[in-house]
């Protein structure tokens, strides 16, 4: 997860400079609470979530 609230996969080529790790459960919860997903690596798709 990027510190600005955008979520990324671990393989994202553009995660930004300030990131922190999130568990799968944390990432799913953040996406369900309207956190933005990176448009390049699409963590929502990787997690199987439609937003």
PDB file of N, CA and C in Angstrom:
ATOM      1  N   UNK A   1       0.860  -1.171   0.000  1.00  0.00           N
ATOM      2  CA  UNK A   1       0.000   0.000   0.000  1.00  0.00           C
ATOM      3  C   UNK A   1       0.900   1.225   0.000  1.00  0.00           C
ATOM      4  N   UNK A   2       0.581   2.175  -0.796  1.00  0.00           N
ATOM      5  CA  UNK A   2       1.341   3.413  -0.850  1.00  0.00           C
ATOM      6  C   UNK A   2       0.832   4.366   0.216  1.00  0.00           C
ATOM      7  N   UNK A   3       1.720   5.213   0.739  1.00  0.00           N
ATOM      8  CA  UNK A   3       1.336   6.090   1.837  1.00  0.00           C
ATOM      9  C   UNK A   3       0.253   7.093   1.440  1.00  0.00           C
ATOM     10  N   UNK A   4       0.068   7.340   0.152  1.00  0.00           N
ATOM     11  CA  UNK A   4      -0.992   8.260  -0.270  1.00  0.00           C
ATOM     12  C   UNK A   4      -2.348   7.559  -0.367  1.00  0.00           C
ATOM     13  N   UNK A   5      -2.383   6.280  -0.034  1.00  0.00           N
ATOM     14  CA  UNK A   5      -3.626   5.535  -0.026  1.00  0.00           C
ATOM     15  C   UNK A   5      -3.817   4.621  -1.211  1.00  0.00           C
ATOM     16  N   UNK A   6      -3.009   4.757  -2.244  1.00  0.00           N
ATOM     17  CA  UNK A   6      -3.142   3.879  -3.404  1.00  0.00           C
ATOM     18  C   UNK A   6      -2.571   2.507  -3.072  1.00  0.00           C
ATOM     19  N   UNK A   7      -3.268   1.478  -3.489  1.00  0.00           N
ATOM     20  CA  UNK A   7      -2.819   0.111  -3.275  1.00  0.00           C
ATOM     21  C   UNK A   7      -2.082  -0.394  -4.496  1.00  0.00           C
ATOM     22  N   UNK A   8      -1.042  -1.174  -4.255  1.00  0.00           N
ATOM     23  CA  UNK A   8      -0.224  -1.755  -5.318  1.00  0.00           C
ATOM     24  C   UNK A   8       0.001  -3.226  -5.027  1.00  0.00           C
ATOM     25  N   UNK A   9       0.301  -4.003  -6.054  1.00  0.00           N
ATOM     26  CA  UNK A   9       0.738  -5.378  -5.844  1.00  0.00           C
ATOM     27  C   UNK A   9       2.224  -5.339  -5.511  1.00  0.00           C
ATOM     28  N   UNK A  10       2.747  -6.429  -5.013  1.00  0.00           N
ATOM     29  CA  UNK A  10       4.173  -6.509  -4.700  1.00  0.00           C
ATOM     30  C   UNK A  10       5.061  -6.440  -5.920  1.00  0.00           C
ATOM     31  N   UNK A  11       4.506  -6.703  -7.091  1.00  0.00           N
ATOM     32  CA  UNK A  11       5.282  -6.676  -8.323  1.00  0.00           C
ATOM     33  C   UNK A  11       5.145  -5.367  -9.094  1.00  0.00           C
ATOM     34  N   UNK A  12       4.480  -4.372  -8.541  1.00  0.00           N
ATOM     35  CA  UNK A  12       4.245  -3.121  -9.261  1.00  0.00           C
ATOM     36  C   UNK A  12       5.559  -2.431  -9.596  1.00  0.00           C
ATOM     37  N   UNK A  13       5.664  -1.938 -10.811  1.00  0.00           N
ATOM     38  CA  UNK A  13       6.874  -1.249 -11.240  1.00  0.00           C
ATOM     39  C   UNK A  13       6.845   0.234 -10.879  1.00  0.00           C
ATOM     40  N   UNK A  14       5.736   0.729 -10.344  1.00  0.00           N
ATOM     41  CA  UNK A  14       5.618   2.153 -10.027  1.00  0.00           C
ATOM     42  C   UNK A  14       4.937   2.376  -8.665  1.00  0.00           C
ATOM     43  N   UNK A  15       5.511   1.799  -7.575  1.00  0.00           N
ATOM     44  CA  UNK A  15       4.834   1.916  -6.289  1.00  0.00           C
ATOM     45  C   UNK A  15       5.073   3.238  -5.558  1.00  0.00           C
ATOM     46  N   UNK A  16       5.942   4.075  -6.060  1.00  0.00           N
ATOM     47  CA  UNK A  16       6.260   5.312  -5.358  1.00  0.00           C
ATOM     48  C   UNK A  16       7.400   5.098  -4.379  1.00  0.00           C
ATOM     49  N   UNK A  17       7.783   6.163  -3.713  1.00  0.00           N
ATOM     50  CA  UNK A  17       8.928   6.101  -2.812  1.00  0.00           C
ATOM     51  C   UNK A  17       8.557   5.635  -1.410  1.00  0.00           C
ATOM     52  N   UNK A  18       7.363   5.958  -0.962  1.00  0.00           N
ATOM     53  CA  UNK A  18       6.968   5.642   0.412  1.00  0.00           C
ATOM     54  C   UNK A  18       5.865   4.598   0.394  1.00  0.00           C
ATOM     55  N   UNK A  19       6.230   3.384   0.712  1.00  0.00           N
ATOM     56  CA  UNK A  19       5.252   2.306   0.727  1.00  0.00           C
ATOM     57  C   UNK A  19       5.317   1.562   2.061  1.00  0.00           C
ATOM     58  N   UNK A  20       4.260   0.857   2.374  1.00  0.00           N
ATOM     59  CA  UNK A  20       4.274  -0.043   3.525  1.00  0.00           C
ATOM     60  C   UNK A  20       3.525  -1.300   3.137  1.00  0.00           C
ATOM     61  N   UNK A  21       3.927  -2.399   3.724  1.00  0.00           N
ATOM     62  CA  UNK A  21       3.309  -3.678   3.412  1.00  0.00           C
ATOM     63  C   UNK A  21       1.932  -3.782   4.056  1.00  0.00           C
ATOM     64  N   UNK A  22       1.063  -4.503   3.386  1.00  0.00           N
ATOM     65  CA  UNK A  22      -0.267  -4.769   3.918  1.00  0.00           C
ATOM     66  C   UNK A  22      -0.564  -6.248   3.717  1.00  0.00           C
ATOM     67  N   UNK A  23      -1.289  -6.810   4.637  1.00  0.00           N
ATOM     68  CA  UNK A  23      -1.711  -8.201   4.472  1.00  0.00           C
ATOM     69  C   UNK A  23      -2.826  -8.241   3.420  1.00  0.00           C
ATOM     70  N   UNK A  24      -3.129  -9.428   2.979  1.00  0.00           N
ATOM     71  CA  UNK A  24      -4.231  -9.592   2.018  1.00  0.00           C
ATOM     72  C   UNK A  24      -5.527  -9.046   2.605  1.00  0.00           C
ATOM     73  N   UNK A  25      -5.783  -9.369   3.863  1.00  0.00           N
ATOM     74  CA  UNK A  25      -7.013  -8.908   4.528  1.00  0.00           C
ATOM     75  C   UNK A  25      -7.050  -7.387   4.620  1.00  0.00           C
ATOM     76  N   UNK A  26      -5.928  -6.760   4.939  1.00  0.00           N
ATOM     77  CA  UNK A  26      -5.868  -5.299   5.018  1.00  0.00           C
ATOM     78  C   UNK A  26      -6.109  -4.665   3.650  1.00  0.00           C
ATOM     79  N   UNK A  27      -5.526  -5.257   2.614  1.00  0.00           N
ATOM     80  CA  UNK A  27      -5.696  -4.721   1.258  1.00  0.00           C
ATOM     81  C   UNK A  27      -7.157  -4.827   0.818  1.00  0.00           C
ATOM     82  N   UNK A  28      -7.781  -5.957   1.081  1.00  0.00           N
ATOM     83  CA  UNK A  28      -9.190  -6.142   0.714  1.00  0.00           C
ATOM     84  C   UNK A  28     -10.054  -5.143   1.470  1.00  0.00           C
ATOM     85  N   UNK A  29      -9.808  -4.988   2.759  1.00  0.00           N
ATOM     86  CA  UNK A  29     -10.588  -4.036   3.560  1.00  0.00           C
ATOM     87  C   UNK A  29     -10.410  -2.615   3.029  1.00  0.00           C
ATOM     88  N   UNK A  30      -9.197  -2.239   2.688  1.00  0.00           N
ATOM     89  CA  UNK A  30      -8.939  -0.891   2.167  1.00  0.00           C
ATOM     90  C   UNK A  30      -9.667  -0.673   0.845  1.00  0.00           C
ATOM     91  N   UNK A  31      -9.652  -1.653  -0.030  1.00  0.00           N
ATOM     92  CA  UNK A  31     -10.351  -1.523  -1.312  1.00  0.00           C
ATOM     93  C   UNK A  31     -11.861  -1.411  -1.100  1.00  0.00           C
ATOM     94  N   UNK A  32     -12.378  -2.159  -0.165  1.00  0.00           N
ATOM     95  CA  UNK A  32     -13.812  -2.089   0.122  1.00  0.00           C
ATOM     96  C   UNK A  32     -14.198  -0.753   0.746  1.00  0.00           C
ATOM     97  N   UNK A  33     -13.233  -0.083   1.374  1.00  0.00           N
ATOM     98  CA  UNK A  33     -13.480   1.226   1.977  1.00  0.00           C
ATOM     99  C   UNK A  33     -13.105   2.354   1.018  1.00  0.00           C
ATOM    100  N   UNK A  34     -13.036   2.037  -0.266  1.00  0.00           N
ATOM    101  CA  UNK A  34     -12.829   3.016  -1.328  1.00  0.00           C
ATOM    102  C   UNK A  34     -11.404   3.536  -1.462  1.00  0.00           C
ATOM    103  N   UNK A  35     -10.396   2.798  -0.996  1.00  0.00           N
ATOM    104  CA  UNK A  35      -9.010   3.181  -1.261  1.00  0.00           C
ATOM    105  C   UNK A  35      -8.784   3.055  -2.761  1.00  0.00           C
ATOM    106  N   UNK A  36      -7.941   3.891  -3.313  1.00  0.00           N
ATOM    107  CA  UNK A  36      -7.691   3.819  -4.753  1.00  0.00           C
ATOM    108  C   UNK A  36      -6.719   2.689  -5.060  1.00  0.00           C
ATOM    109  N   UNK A  37      -6.949   2.056  -6.185  1.00  0.00           N
ATOM    110  CA  UNK A  37      -6.080   0.980  -6.653  1.00  0.00           C
ATOM    111  C   UNK A  37      -5.191   1.515  -7.766  1.00  0.00           C
ATOM    112  N   UNK A  38      -3.944   1.094  -7.779  1.00  0.00           N
ATOM    113  CA  UNK A  38      -3.018   1.501  -8.830  1.00  0.00           C
ATOM    114  C   UNK A  38      -3.589   1.078 -10.186  1.00  0.00           C
ATOM    115  N   UNK A  39      -3.589   1.980 -11.132  1.00  0.00           N
ATOM    116  CA  UNK A  39      -4.127   1.667 -12.457  1.00  0.00           C
ATOM    117  C   UNK A  39      -3.131   0.901 -13.316  1.00  0.00           C
ATOM    118  N   UNK A  40      -1.905   0.760 -12.823  1.00  0.00           N
ATOM    119  CA  UNK A  40      -0.881   0.033 -13.589  1.00  0.00           C
ATOM    120  C   UNK A  40      -0.823  -1.437 -13.200  1.00  0.00           C
ATOM    121  N   UNK A  41      -0.828  -1.726 -11.888  1.00  0.00           N
ATOM    122  CA  UNK A  41      -0.700  -3.122 -11.453  1.00  0.00           C
ATOM    123  C   UNK A  41      -2.029  -3.758 -11.051  1.00  0.00           C
ATOM    124  N   UNK A  42      -3.084  -2.976 -10.886  1.00  0.00           N
ATOM    125  CA  UNK A  42      -4.447  -3.428 -10.603  1.00  0.00           C
ATOM    126  C   UNK A  42      -4.526  -4.455  -9.464  1.00  0.00           C
ATOM    127  N   UNK A  43      -4.229  -4.049  -8.227  1.00  0.00           N
ATOM    128  CA  UNK A  43      -4.314  -4.982  -7.107  1.00  0.00           C
ATOM    129  C   UNK A  43      -5.725  -5.506  -6.866  1.00  0.00           C
ATOM    130  N   UNK A  44      -6.735  -4.741  -7.240  1.00  0.00           N
ATOM    131  CA  UNK A  44      -8.112  -5.204  -7.094  1.00  0.00           C
ATOM    132  C   UNK A  44      -8.358  -6.439  -7.948  1.00  0.00           C
ATOM    133  N   UNK A  45      -7.837  -6.438  -9.152  1.00  0.00           N
ATOM    134  CA  UNK A  45      -7.975  -7.585 -10.039  1.00  0.00           C
ATOM    135  C   UNK A  45      -7.169  -8.750  -9.508  1.00  0.00           C
ATOM    136  N   UNK A  46      -5.959  -8.486  -9.036  1.00  0.00           N
ATOM    137  CA  UNK A  46      -5.110  -9.548  -8.487  1.00  0.00           C
ATOM    138  C   UNK A  46      -5.755 -10.218  -7.289  1.00  0.00           C
ATOM    139  N   UNK A  47      -6.517  -9.457  -6.498  1.00  0.00           N
ATOM    140  CA  UNK A  47      -7.195  -9.981  -5.324  1.00  0.00           C
ATOM    141  C   UNK A  47      -8.578 -10.541  -5.649  1.00  0.00           C
ATOM    142  N   UNK A  48      -9.023 -10.371  -6.888  1.00  0.00           N
ATOM    143  CA  UNK A  48     -10.324 -10.876  -7.302  1.00  0.00           C
ATOM    144  C   UNK A  48     -11.487 -10.045  -6.801  1.00  0.00           C
ATOM    145  N   UNK A  49     -11.272  -8.733  -6.666  1.00  0.00           N
ATOM    146  CA  UNK A  49     -12.305  -7.832  -6.155  1.00  0.00           C
ATOM    147  C   UNK A  49     -12.741  -6.890  -7.265  1.00  0.00           C
ATOM    148  N   UNK A  50     -14.029  -6.715  -7.411  1.00  0.00           N
ATOM    149  CA  UNK A  50     -14.554  -5.726  -8.351  1.00  0.00           C
ATOM    150  C   UNK A  50     -14.875  -4.467  -7.580  1.00  0.00           C
ATOM    151  N   UNK A  51     -14.295  -3.345  -8.018  1.00  0.00           N
ATOM    152  CA  UNK A  51     -14.583  -2.067  -7.350  1.00  0.00           C
ATOM    153  C   UNK A  51     -15.231  -1.112  -8.313  1.00  0.00           C
TER     154      UNK A  51
END
